[in-house]
Amino acid sequence: MTIEKRSAGILLHITSLPSKYGIGDLGPEAYKFADLLQEAGQRYWQILPLNPTESGYGNSPYSSHSAFAGNPLLISPDLLAEDGLLQPKDLRVKEKFPDERVDYGRVTTFKHELLQKAYQNYQENQPGTLKKSFTDFQKTHKHWLQDFTLFAALKKHFEGKGWGDWPEELRKRDEKAMQELANQLSDEIEYEAFLQFLFYSQWEKLKAYCLDKDVHFFGDMPFYVSHDSADVWAHQSYFKLDKGGRPTGVSGVPPDFFSETGQLWGTPVYNWKELGKNEYDWWLRRIEHSLQLFSVLRLDHFRAFSAYWEVPATEKTAINGKWVKSPGHDILTLIKKHHPEMPIIAEDLGEIDQPVRDLIQEFNLPGMLILIFAFGDGIAFESSFVPHNHYVNSIVYTGTHDNSTVKAWYKAAKTEERKSLSRYVGQTITNDTVHEIMNRLAYASVSQLAILPMQDILGLGKEGLMNIPSTSDGNWEWRLQPGQFSKKQAKALRELAQTYGRLV
């Protein structure tokens, strides 16, 4: 059992925090939010992946050029100023960023100008304690940092081209060619390493502050990694690629009720035979790395630990794919060997078959229950998402970052769904009260952990959507506005947690 206490948490990604710099970061507002979580009686702060985001991938935290690196956009300028790496004048924002959305283009330009200044100040002064800490960081993270920093420097050198379009000797990682360019790009490589040092230094301080308040980070790890990533470039034999480094098989999901052609994600699939020869070392390092960041880790697209949908890379849709068995059982067995408590959550949404259920049951992993999925079958109430069908070893949500908010769901719901919900709770529901009722249903559930997205705590509608799957515009941009989640709301949430036995 991963979640030891009956408890509650809030889903709010770091980018969604308030900040005058256009994007949430690891600075003062994160600490204020941790204080409010404690006041609200919350034990978990659930976030999305912390890896670098790119405009070419719609700024999705689930599509990154590294499975290990942190996102430099999350580095706090305020904390850099406290460390003497920036001056107060550097923190003056000449242009006003919107409070309610992240403008990634403007934010990226602004943040990297500040980070370049911080690096220049470090180079000029190189304070002894900071230099030693930076050196120690590079030694500790050597197993991924060297490949990542060289990859990032080469990507800039080749004006953003993916590694599949680099010269052949670099695509194939010829040692002499890589060393020559590494020498040429040494300052850029150190800069990229310095950014990672800043990110991880700030993250560790925030995590320690939260743990001191008995607030635990609940993180997320995608199953697949992007082709244009340091991971695929550095470990090409671990992925199904042709001699030119292009994927031969890609990921997706088969046609279903929601899509006649399925979903074609396009990330390369794993060469499990090669991974198995080294006892899945890269996978285990990745999970170990994540468990150092978070108290609890959600494995996204968990059904792929049993079998995954592989599509020939030449296909335009996911129709002509096939199910391929994966060695998830072997990987989970190795995780359990190192982490007997198994601080793992299974993202078991979608089409789940018996082998997946068996895997979840064998390793006693908590699954997910989504309330906005509960009331679509009329008056039968047979769905596993309906509260009276919940089970203890689970996590109940009103919705997730990929779903509508409760208010947006209810506004678009069919009449039979609205009637089902009203009948279930025994009272008339309006669009103004539906989020309060659903939040209460989540807290009342027997599920050991109840997680509410911040948008449902605030009762937001369509304007609060974080991500609309299969679209690219406007996703991952939503932000909590200053003062929007107040001490008064924290007190009300605490009372709800106390009422239903979830108070920390």
Protein backbone atom coordinates (compact mmCIF):
# COMPACT_ATOMS: atom_id res chain seq x y z
CA MET A 1 0.00 0.00 0.00
CA THR A 2 1.67 3.20 -1.19
CA ILE A 3 -0.60 5.72 0.51
CA GLU A 4 -0.34 4.89 4.21
CA LYS A 5 -2.83 7.39 5.58
CA ARG A 6 -6.30 8.42 4.51
CA SER A 7 -5.42 11.79 3.11
CA ALA A 8 -5.96 14.47 0.49
CA GLY A 9 -3.98 16.51 -2.01
CA ILE A 10 -4.17 19.13 -4.73
CA LEU A 11 -3.17 18.85 -8.38
CA LEU A 12 -1.39 22.03 -9.49
CA HIS A 13 1.63 22.05 -11.77
CA ILE A 14 4.56 24.35 -10.94
CA THR A 15 4.04 26.38 -14.14
CA SER A 16 0.54 27.25 -12.91
CA LEU A 17 1.72 29.11 -9.82
CA PRO A 18 1.47 32.92 -9.74
CA SER A 19 4.63 34.86 -10.62
CA LYS A 20 5.49 38.24 -12.07
CA TYR A 21 7.83 36.46 -14.50
CA GLY A 22 5.06 34.99 -16.66
CA ILE A 23 5.30 31.39 -15.43
CA GLY A 24 5.17 29.63 -12.09
CA ASP A 25 8.56 28.67 -10.67
CA LEU A 26 10.35 27.18 -7.66
CA GLY A 27 10.50 30.51 -5.84
CA PRO A 28 8.47 32.38 -3.19
CA GLU A 29 5.01 31.52 -4.54
CA ALA A 30 5.82 27.80 -4.39
CA TYR A 31 6.70 28.18 -0.70
CA LYS A 32 3.51 30.17 -0.08
CA PHE A 33 1.51 27.44 -1.75
CA ALA A 34 3.19 24.82 0.43
CA ASP A 35 2.13 26.86 3.47
CA LEU A 36 -1.45 26.92 2.19
CA LEU A 37 -1.39 23.18 1.56
CA GLN A 38 -0.46 22.64 5.19
CA GLU A 39 -3.16 25.05 6.35
CA ALA A 40 -5.68 23.21 4.15
CA GLY A 41 -4.77 19.86 5.76
CA GLN A 42 -3.34 18.51 2.51
CA ARG A 43 -0.62 15.86 2.47
CA TYR A 44 0.12 15.69 -1.26
CA TRP A 45 1.05 18.20 -3.92
CA GLN A 46 0.59 16.52 -7.28
CA ILE A 47 2.44 17.96 -10.26
CA LEU A 48 3.15 17.08 -13.89
CA PRO A 49 6.59 16.09 -15.28
CA LEU A 50 9.36 18.59 -14.55
CA ASN A 51 11.35 17.95 -17.74
CA PRO A 52 12.23 20.69 -20.26
CA THR A 53 9.43 21.74 -22.61
CA GLU A 54 9.70 22.89 -26.21
CA SER A 55 7.45 24.94 -28.48
CA GLY A 56 7.79 22.29 -31.18
CA TYR A 57 5.98 19.85 -28.92
CA GLY A 58 3.29 22.31 -27.85
CA ASN A 59 5.13 23.01 -24.58
CA SER A 60 3.94 19.66 -23.26
CA PRO A 61 5.73 18.39 -20.14
CA TYR A 62 5.07 14.90 -21.53
CA SER A 63 7.21 15.54 -24.63
CA SER A 64 10.75 16.52 -23.73
CA HIS A 65 14.29 16.25 -25.03
CA SER A 66 15.34 14.67 -21.74
CA ALA A 67 13.84 12.16 -19.32
CA PHE A 68 16.22 13.34 -16.58
CA ALA A 69 16.79 17.08 -16.98
CA GLY A 70 14.75 19.74 -15.21
CA ASN A 71 12.96 22.60 -16.94
CA PRO A 72 15.08 25.80 -16.75
CA LEU A 73 11.89 27.87 -17.09
CA LEU A 74 11.04 26.77 -13.54
CA ILE A 75 14.20 28.31 -12.05
CA SER A 76 13.26 31.21 -9.76
CA PRO A 77 14.92 34.58 -10.50
CA ASP A 78 14.12 35.68 -6.92
CA LEU A 79 16.14 32.81 -5.48
CA LEU A 80 18.99 33.53 -7.89
CA ALA A 81 19.07 37.08 -6.53
CA GLU A 82 19.16 35.72 -2.96
CA ASP A 83 22.20 33.64 -3.97
CA GLY A 84 23.90 36.72 -5.43
CA LEU A 85 23.70 35.47 -9.02
CA LEU A 86 21.35 38.28 -10.05
CA GLN A 87 20.99 41.88 -8.90
CA PRO A 88 17.69 43.49 -7.80
CA LYS A 89 17.73 45.58 -10.97
CA ASP A 90 17.75 42.38 -13.03
CA LEU A 91 14.39 41.43 -11.54
CA ARG A 92 12.57 44.45 -12.91
CA VAL A 93 10.10 43.19 -15.49
CA LYS A 94 9.81 45.76 -18.27
CA GLU A 95 6.85 44.07 -19.93
CA LYS A 96 3.82 42.78 -18.08
CA PHE A 97 3.09 39.10 -18.59
CA PRO A 98 -0.52 37.86 -18.39
CA ASP A 99 -1.49 36.52 -14.96
CA GLU A 100 -3.93 33.92 -16.26
CA ARG A 101 -1.86 32.18 -18.97
CA VAL A 102 1.75 31.29 -19.77
CA ASP A 103 3.00 33.00 -22.92
CA TYR A 104 5.78 30.48 -23.54
CA GLY A 105 7.44 32.37 -26.36
CA ARG A 106 7.91 35.60 -24.39
CA VAL A 107 8.66 33.79 -21.14
CA THR A 108 11.37 31.66 -22.74
CA THR A 109 13.16 34.70 -24.17
CA PHE A 110 12.91 36.64 -20.91
CA LYS A 111 13.96 33.76 -18.64
CA HIS A 112 16.97 32.76 -20.71
CA GLU A 113 18.27 36.33 -20.71
CA LEU A 114 18.17 36.24 -16.90
CA LEU A 115 19.77 32.80 -16.77
CA GLN A 116 22.59 33.94 -19.05
CA LYS A 117 23.22 36.85 -16.67
CA ALA A 118 23.28 34.48 -13.71
CA TYR A 119 25.81 32.26 -15.48
CA GLN A 120 28.00 35.23 -16.42
CA ASN A 121 27.98 36.40 -12.81
CA TYR A 122 28.95 32.91 -11.69
CA GLN A 123 31.82 32.80 -14.18
CA GLU A 124 33.11 36.20 -13.07
CA ASN A 125 32.88 35.56 -9.33
CA GLN A 126 32.76 31.77 -8.86
CA PRO A 127 32.06 31.84 -5.11
CA GLY A 128 33.86 28.92 -3.48
CA THR A 129 30.88 27.15 -1.90
CA LEU A 130 28.79 27.45 -5.07
CA LYS A 131 31.63 26.18 -7.25
CA LYS A 132 32.11 23.14 -5.02
CA SER A 133 28.37 22.43 -5.00
CA PHE A 134 28.30 22.70 -8.80
CA THR A 135 31.24 20.29 -9.11
CA ASP A 136 29.61 17.82 -6.72
CA PHE A 137 26.34 18.04 -8.67
CA GLN A 138 28.08 17.18 -11.93
CA LYS A 139 29.70 14.11 -10.36
CA THR A 140 26.44 12.89 -8.80
CA HIS A 141 24.43 13.27 -12.02
CA LYS A 142 27.16 12.24 -14.43
CA HIS A 143 25.23 9.21 -15.74
CA TRP A 144 22.75 11.44 -17.60
CA LEU A 145 24.15 14.97 -17.39
CA GLN A 146 27.10 14.53 -19.77
CA ASP A 147 24.94 13.18 -22.58
CA PHE A 148 22.24 15.77 -22.00
CA THR A 149 24.52 18.81 -21.92
CA LEU A 150 26.36 17.73 -25.06
CA PHE A 151 23.03 17.03 -26.77
CA ALA A 152 21.64 20.45 -25.79
CA ALA A 153 24.81 22.22 -26.95
CA LEU A 154 24.83 20.37 -30.27
CA LYS A 155 21.16 21.12 -30.81
CA LYS A 156 21.89 24.84 -30.47
CA HIS A 157 24.98 24.48 -32.66
CA PHE A 158 22.86 22.96 -35.42
CA GLU A 159 20.19 25.67 -35.04
CA GLY A 160 17.57 23.48 -33.42
CA LYS A 161 17.75 20.53 -35.82
CA GLY A 162 16.86 17.15 -34.36
CA TRP A 163 19.73 14.72 -33.88
CA GLY A 164 18.42 12.62 -36.79
CA ASP A 165 19.45 15.49 -39.09
CA TRP A 166 22.95 15.97 -37.68
CA PRO A 167 26.06 14.83 -39.57
CA GLU A 168 26.35 11.05 -39.69
CA GLU A 169 29.37 10.86 -37.40
CA LEU A 170 27.40 12.67 -34.67
CA ARG A 171 24.21 10.72 -35.28
CA LYS A 172 26.21 7.55 -34.77
CA ARG A 173 28.10 9.05 -31.82
CA ASP A 174 31.62 8.74 -33.19
CA GLU A 175 33.83 9.42 -30.15
CA LYS A 176 36.39 11.56 -32.00
CA ALA A 177 33.75 13.74 -33.67
CA MET A 178 31.85 14.21 -30.41
CA GLN A 179 35.00 15.12 -28.49
CA GLU A 180 36.06 17.70 -31.08
CA LEU A 181 32.72 19.48 -30.89
CA ALA A 182 32.59 19.09 -27.11
CA ASN A 183 35.89 20.99 -26.90
CA GLN A 184 34.57 23.65 -29.27
CA LEU A 185 31.30 24.01 -27.34
CA SER A 186 32.72 23.63 -23.84
CA ASP A 187 31.29 26.91 -22.52
CA GLU A 188 27.82 26.11 -23.84
CA ILE A 189 28.03 22.64 -22.30
CA GLU A 190 28.96 24.09 -18.93
CA TYR A 191 26.11 26.60 -19.21
CA GLU A 192 23.61 23.80 -19.75
CA ALA A 193 25.06 21.92 -16.77
CA PHE A 194 24.85 25.08 -14.66
CA LEU A 195 21.16 25.48 -15.49
CA GLN A 196 20.54 21.92 -14.31
CA PHE A 197 22.51 22.62 -11.14
CA LEU A 198 20.33 25.68 -10.45
CA PHE A 199 17.12 23.76 -11.11
CA TYR A 200 18.01 20.82 -8.90
CA SER A 201 19.37 23.04 -6.12
CA GLN A 202 16.11 25.00 -6.00
CA TRP A 203 14.02 21.83 -6.27
CA GLU A 204 15.78 20.11 -3.36
CA LYS A 205 15.27 23.15 -1.13
CA LEU A 206 11.56 23.33 -1.96
CA LYS A 207 11.12 19.58 -1.45
CA ALA A 208 12.83 19.76 1.94
CA TYR A 209 10.61 22.69 2.96
CA CYS A 210 7.49 20.76 1.96
CA LEU A 211 8.56 17.56 3.73
CA ASP A 212 9.14 19.56 6.89
CA LYS A 213 5.46 20.46 6.68
CA ASP A 214 4.50 16.82 5.93
CA VAL A 215 3.58 17.85 2.38
CA HIS A 216 4.78 15.29 -0.16
CA PHE A 217 5.35 15.71 -3.87
CA PHE A 218 3.38 13.35 -6.10
CA GLY A 219 5.13 13.25 -9.48
CA ASP A 220 4.44 11.85 -12.92
CA MET A 221 6.59 9.91 -15.39
CA PRO A 222 5.65 9.38 -19.05
CA PHE A 223 6.06 5.85 -20.41
CA TYR A 224 7.67 6.95 -23.68
CA VAL A 225 10.37 9.50 -24.50
CA SER A 226 10.67 11.73 -27.55
CA HIS A 227 12.80 10.62 -30.49
CA ASP A 228 14.58 13.97 -30.53
CA SER A 229 15.94 13.52 -27.02
CA ALA A 230 19.29 13.01 -25.37
CA ASP A 231 18.02 9.65 -24.13
CA VAL A 232 17.30 8.14 -27.56
CA TRP A 233 20.43 9.68 -29.08
CA ALA A 234 22.63 8.29 -26.29
CA HIS A 235 20.95 4.85 -26.09
CA GLN A 236 19.94 4.10 -29.67
CA SER A 237 20.13 0.33 -29.23
CA TYR A 238 17.38 0.56 -26.59
CA PHE A 239 14.85 1.77 -29.16
CA LYS A 240 13.53 0.34 -32.42
CA LEU A 241 15.45 2.44 -34.94
CA ASP A 242 16.82 1.83 -38.42
CA LYS A 243 20.48 2.26 -39.38
CA GLY A 244 19.89 5.97 -39.94
CA GLY A 245 18.49 6.42 -36.44
CA ARG A 246 14.86 6.79 -37.56
CA PRO A 247 12.10 4.93 -35.70
CA THR A 248 10.82 1.74 -37.31
CA GLY A 249 7.94 1.42 -34.85
CA VAL A 250 6.12 4.19 -32.99
CA SER A 251 3.69 4.48 -30.12
CA GLY A 252 -0.05 5.09 -30.04
CA VAL A 253 -3.36 3.57 -29.00
CA PRO A 254 -5.79 1.61 -31.18
CA PRO A 255 -9.13 2.85 -32.52
CA ASP A 256 -11.80 3.11 -29.81
CA PHE A 257 -15.09 4.80 -28.95
CA PHE A 258 -13.40 8.21 -28.99
CA SER A 259 -11.43 7.87 -32.23
CA GLU A 260 -12.02 5.72 -35.33
CA THR A 261 -8.33 5.89 -36.24
CA GLY A 262 -6.87 5.67 -32.74
CA GLN A 263 -4.11 7.98 -31.57
CA LEU A 264 -0.68 8.10 -33.19
CA TRP A 265 1.78 9.52 -30.66
CA GLY A 266 4.86 8.94 -32.79
CA THR A 267 7.46 8.36 -30.08
CA PRO A 268 9.83 5.43 -30.70
CA VAL A 269 9.00 2.15 -28.99
CA TYR A 270 11.51 0.22 -26.93
CA ASN A 271 13.84 -2.55 -28.02
CA TRP A 272 13.11 -4.67 -24.95
CA LYS A 273 15.52 -7.41 -26.01
CA GLU A 274 18.47 -5.01 -25.84
CA LEU A 275 17.22 -3.39 -22.63
CA GLY A 276 16.86 -6.82 -21.07
CA LYS A 277 20.49 -7.68 -21.80
CA ASN A 278 21.47 -4.96 -19.33
CA GLU A 279 18.67 -5.73 -16.83
CA TYR A 280 16.70 -2.64 -17.94
CA ASP A 281 19.40 -0.37 -16.49
CA TRP A 282 18.20 2.82 -18.24
CA TRP A 283 14.61 2.26 -17.11
CA LEU A 284 15.66 1.60 -13.53
CA ARG A 285 17.91 4.69 -13.42
CA ARG A 286 15.01 6.74 -14.73
CA ILE A 287 12.62 5.47 -12.07
CA GLU A 288 15.25 5.80 -9.34
CA HIS A 289 15.88 9.38 -10.47
CA SER A 290 12.15 10.15 -10.29
CA LEU A 291 11.80 8.61 -6.84
CA GLN A 292 14.56 10.90 -5.61
CA LEU A 293 12.47 13.85 -6.78
CA PHE A 294 9.07 12.69 -5.50
CA SER A 295 7.64 10.79 -2.54
CA VAL A 296 5.13 9.07 -4.83
CA LEU A 297 5.43 8.43 -8.58
CA ARG A 298 2.58 7.96 -11.04
CA LEU A 299 3.49 5.79 -14.03
CA ASP A 300 1.64 7.31 -16.95
CA HIS A 301 0.06 4.96 -19.55
CA PHE A 302 0.52 2.05 -17.15
CA ARG A 303 -1.25 -0.40 -19.46
CA ALA A 304 1.93 -0.37 -21.58
CA PHE A 305 3.71 -2.21 -18.77
CA SER A 306 1.64 -5.21 -19.86
CA ALA A 307 1.36 -4.62 -23.62
CA TYR A 308 1.55 -1.57 -25.86
CA TRP A 309 0.23 -0.60 -29.29
CA GLU A 310 3.06 -0.52 -31.82
CA VAL A 311 2.50 1.10 -35.22
CA PRO A 312 4.85 0.91 -38.22
CA ALA A 313 6.56 4.30 -38.53
CA THR A 314 5.35 4.66 -42.13
CA GLU A 315 1.67 4.70 -41.10
CA LYS A 316 -0.35 7.92 -40.99
CA THR A 317 -2.84 6.66 -38.40
CA ALA A 318 -2.78 4.13 -35.55
CA ILE A 319 -5.21 1.70 -37.25
CA ASN A 320 -2.63 -0.78 -38.51
CA GLY A 321 -0.80 -1.28 -35.25
CA LYS A 322 -0.49 -4.40 -33.12
CA TRP A 323 -0.30 -5.28 -29.44
CA VAL A 324 3.21 -6.13 -28.29
CA LYS A 325 3.91 -7.64 -24.90
CA SER A 326 6.28 -5.68 -22.66
CA PRO A 327 8.41 -6.83 -19.71
CA GLY A 328 6.61 -4.65 -17.18
CA HIS A 329 6.49 -7.50 -14.69
CA ASP A 330 10.28 -7.82 -14.75
CA ILE A 331 10.76 -4.05 -14.38
CA LEU A 332 8.28 -3.79 -11.48
CA THR A 333 9.96 -6.76 -9.78
CA LEU A 334 13.30 -4.96 -9.95
CA ILE A 335 11.72 -1.75 -8.63
CA LYS A 336 10.24 -3.65 -5.70
CA LYS A 337 13.63 -5.14 -4.93
CA HIS A 338 15.04 -1.65 -4.40
CA HIS A 339 11.82 -0.06 -3.08
CA PRO A 340 9.84 -2.71 -1.14
CA GLU A 341 7.25 -0.09 -0.18
CA MET A 342 6.50 0.43 -3.91
CA PRO A 343 5.74 4.18 -3.93
CA ILE A 344 4.14 3.76 -7.36
CA ILE A 345 0.70 4.74 -8.69
CA ALA A 346 -0.73 3.06 -11.79
CA GLU A 347 -2.40 5.37 -14.30
CA ASP A 348 -4.94 2.72 -15.26
CA LEU A 349 -7.40 4.79 -17.29
CA GLY A 350 -8.64 3.81 -20.75
CA GLU A 351 -9.09 0.30 -22.10
CA ILE A 352 -7.67 -1.94 -19.37
CA ASP A 353 -7.66 -5.71 -19.90
CA GLN A 354 -7.23 -8.53 -17.39
CA PRO A 355 -3.43 -8.89 -17.74
CA VAL A 356 -3.07 -5.21 -16.75
CA ARG A 357 -5.41 -5.71 -13.79
CA ASP A 358 -3.41 -8.76 -12.75
CA LEU A 359 -0.18 -6.74 -12.86
CA ILE A 360 -1.68 -3.98 -10.73
CA GLN A 361 -3.05 -6.50 -8.24
CA GLU A 362 0.17 -8.51 -7.96
CA PHE A 363 2.18 -5.44 -7.03
CA ASN A 364 -0.65 -3.93 -4.97
CA LEU A 365 -0.55 -0.64 -6.83
CA PRO A 366 -3.20 2.03 -6.27
CA GLY A 367 -5.26 2.84 -9.37
CA MET A 368 -7.19 5.96 -10.38
CA LEU A 369 -10.92 6.71 -10.17
CA ILE A 370 -12.35 9.74 -12.00
CA LEU A 371 -15.71 11.11 -10.87
CA ILE A 372 -16.64 12.90 -14.08
CA PHE A 373 -16.58 9.44 -15.74
CA ALA A 374 -19.03 8.02 -13.20
CA PHE A 375 -22.48 9.07 -14.34
CA GLY A 376 -22.72 8.14 -18.00
CA ASP A 377 -24.57 4.81 -17.69
CA GLY A 378 -27.99 6.07 -16.68
CA ILE A 379 -29.47 4.76 -13.45
CA ALA A 380 -27.49 1.50 -13.27
CA PHE A 381 -24.53 3.04 -11.42
CA GLU A 382 -22.40 0.03 -12.30
CA SER A 383 -19.31 1.99 -13.32
CA SER A 384 -16.21 1.49 -11.18
CA PHE A 385 -15.96 5.27 -11.05
CA VAL A 386 -19.21 5.64 -9.08
CA PRO A 387 -18.29 6.28 -5.41
CA HIS A 388 -20.07 3.26 -3.89
CA ASN A 389 -17.96 1.02 -6.17
CA HIS A 390 -14.66 2.56 -5.07
CA TYR A 391 -11.99 0.56 -3.25
CA VAL A 392 -9.52 1.61 -0.55
CA ASN A 393 -6.26 1.14 -2.46
CA SER A 394 -7.04 3.86 -5.00
CA ILE A 395 -6.88 7.56 -5.67
CA VAL A 396 -10.08 9.40 -6.42
CA TYR A 397 -10.12 12.52 -8.59
CA THR A 398 -12.90 14.79 -9.75
CA GLY A 399 -10.87 15.01 -12.96
CA THR A 400 -7.27 15.20 -14.13
CA HIS A 401 -5.17 17.66 -16.14
CA ASP A 402 -6.37 15.91 -19.34
CA ASN A 403 -10.10 16.26 -18.53
CA SER A 404 -12.69 18.99 -18.42
CA THR A 405 -13.15 20.80 -15.16
CA VAL A 406 -16.24 19.64 -13.27
CA LYS A 407 -18.14 22.78 -14.29
CA ALA A 408 -17.16 22.44 -17.97
CA TRP A 409 -18.11 18.75 -17.88
CA TYR A 410 -21.50 19.44 -16.32
CA LYS A 411 -22.30 22.25 -18.74
CA ALA A 412 -21.65 19.92 -21.70
CA ALA A 413 -23.13 16.80 -20.06
CA LYS A 414 -26.11 14.97 -21.52
CA THR A 415 -29.42 15.29 -19.73
CA GLU A 416 -29.23 11.67 -18.54
CA GLU A 417 -25.82 12.31 -16.98
CA ARG A 418 -27.13 15.33 -15.09
CA LYS A 419 -30.15 13.37 -13.90
CA SER A 420 -27.93 10.47 -12.82
CA LEU A 421 -25.78 12.75 -10.69
CA SER A 422 -28.81 14.46 -9.12
CA ARG A 423 -30.41 11.12 -8.35
CA TYR A 424 -27.18 9.81 -6.88
CA VAL A 425 -26.66 12.69 -4.45
CA GLY A 426 -30.38 13.16 -3.79
CA GLN A 427 -30.55 16.86 -4.49
CA THR A 428 -30.95 19.41 -7.26
CA ILE A 429 -27.67 20.45 -8.82
CA THR A 430 -26.80 23.65 -10.65
CA ASN A 431 -23.76 24.68 -12.61
CA ASP A 432 -22.80 26.88 -9.65
CA THR A 433 -22.83 24.06 -7.11
CA VAL A 434 -21.75 20.99 -9.07
CA HIS A 435 -18.03 21.36 -8.25
CA GLU A 436 -18.75 21.58 -4.52
CA ILE A 437 -20.87 18.41 -4.66
CA MET A 438 -18.27 16.50 -6.70
CA ASN A 439 -15.45 17.66 -4.42
CA ARG A 440 -17.44 16.37 -1.43
CA LEU A 441 -18.09 13.04 -3.17
CA ALA A 442 -14.34 12.66 -3.71
CA TYR A 443 -13.55 13.35 -0.06
CA ALA A 444 -16.32 11.00 1.12
CA SER A 445 -15.03 8.13 -1.03
CA VAL A 446 -13.37 5.12 0.64
CA SER A 447 -10.37 5.75 -1.61
CA GLN A 448 -7.31 6.24 0.55
CA LEU A 449 -6.32 9.44 -1.25
CA ALA A 450 -8.51 12.17 -2.75
CA ILE A 451 -6.90 14.61 -5.19
CA LEU A 452 -8.69 17.72 -6.40
CA PRO A 453 -7.39 19.78 -9.32
CA MET A 454 -7.07 23.38 -8.23
CA GLN A 455 -9.54 24.38 -10.97
CA ASP A 456 -12.30 22.29 -9.31
CA ILE A 457 -11.55 23.74 -5.89
CA LEU A 458 -12.04 27.19 -7.42
CA GLY A 459 -15.09 26.14 -9.43
CA LEU A 460 -13.67 27.15 -12.79
CA GLY A 461 -15.27 26.28 -16.11
CA LYS A 462 -13.79 25.98 -19.58
CA GLU A 463 -11.34 28.80 -18.84
CA GLY A 464 -9.57 26.48 -16.40
CA LEU A 465 -8.70 23.69 -18.86
CA MET A 466 -5.05 22.64 -18.65
CA ASN A 467 -4.87 20.27 -21.62
CA ILE A 468 -7.21 19.10 -24.35
CA PRO A 469 -5.72 15.83 -25.72
CA SER A 470 -5.10 15.62 -29.47
CA THR A 471 -4.90 19.42 -29.75
CA SER A 472 -1.83 21.65 -29.65
CA ASP A 473 -2.94 25.26 -29.21
CA GLY A 474 -3.37 26.79 -25.78
CA ASN A 475 -2.48 23.73 -23.73
CA TRP A 476 -0.38 23.74 -20.52
CA GLU A 477 -0.90 27.50 -20.18
CA TRP A 478 -3.44 27.86 -17.34
CA ARG A 479 -2.25 29.73 -14.24
CA LEU A 480 -3.53 30.38 -10.76
CA GLN A 481 -3.93 34.12 -10.35
CA PRO A 482 -2.50 35.97 -7.33
CA GLY A 483 -4.77 35.59 -4.29
CA GLN A 484 -7.16 33.25 -6.13
CA PHE A 485 -6.56 30.44 -3.63
CA SER A 486 -6.81 32.17 -0.28
CA LYS A 487 -6.53 31.31 3.42
CA LYS A 488 -10.32 31.32 3.55
CA GLN A 489 -10.51 28.62 0.87
CA ALA A 490 -7.72 26.69 2.58
CA LYS A 491 -9.73 26.74 5.81
CA ALA A 492 -12.84 25.43 4.02
CA LEU A 493 -10.80 22.63 2.44
CA ARG A 494 -9.35 21.75 5.83
CA GLU A 495 -12.85 21.44 7.29
CA LEU A 496 -13.81 19.15 4.42
CA ALA A 497 -10.72 17.02 5.06
CA GLN A 498 -11.54 16.86 8.76
CA THR A 499 -15.15 15.90 8.09
CA TYR A 500 -14.15 12.92 5.97
CA GLY A 501 -11.16 11.74 7.98
CA ARG A 502 -8.52 13.03 5.58
CA LEU A 503 -6.86 15.60 7.81
CA VAL A 504 -3.10 15.24 8.04
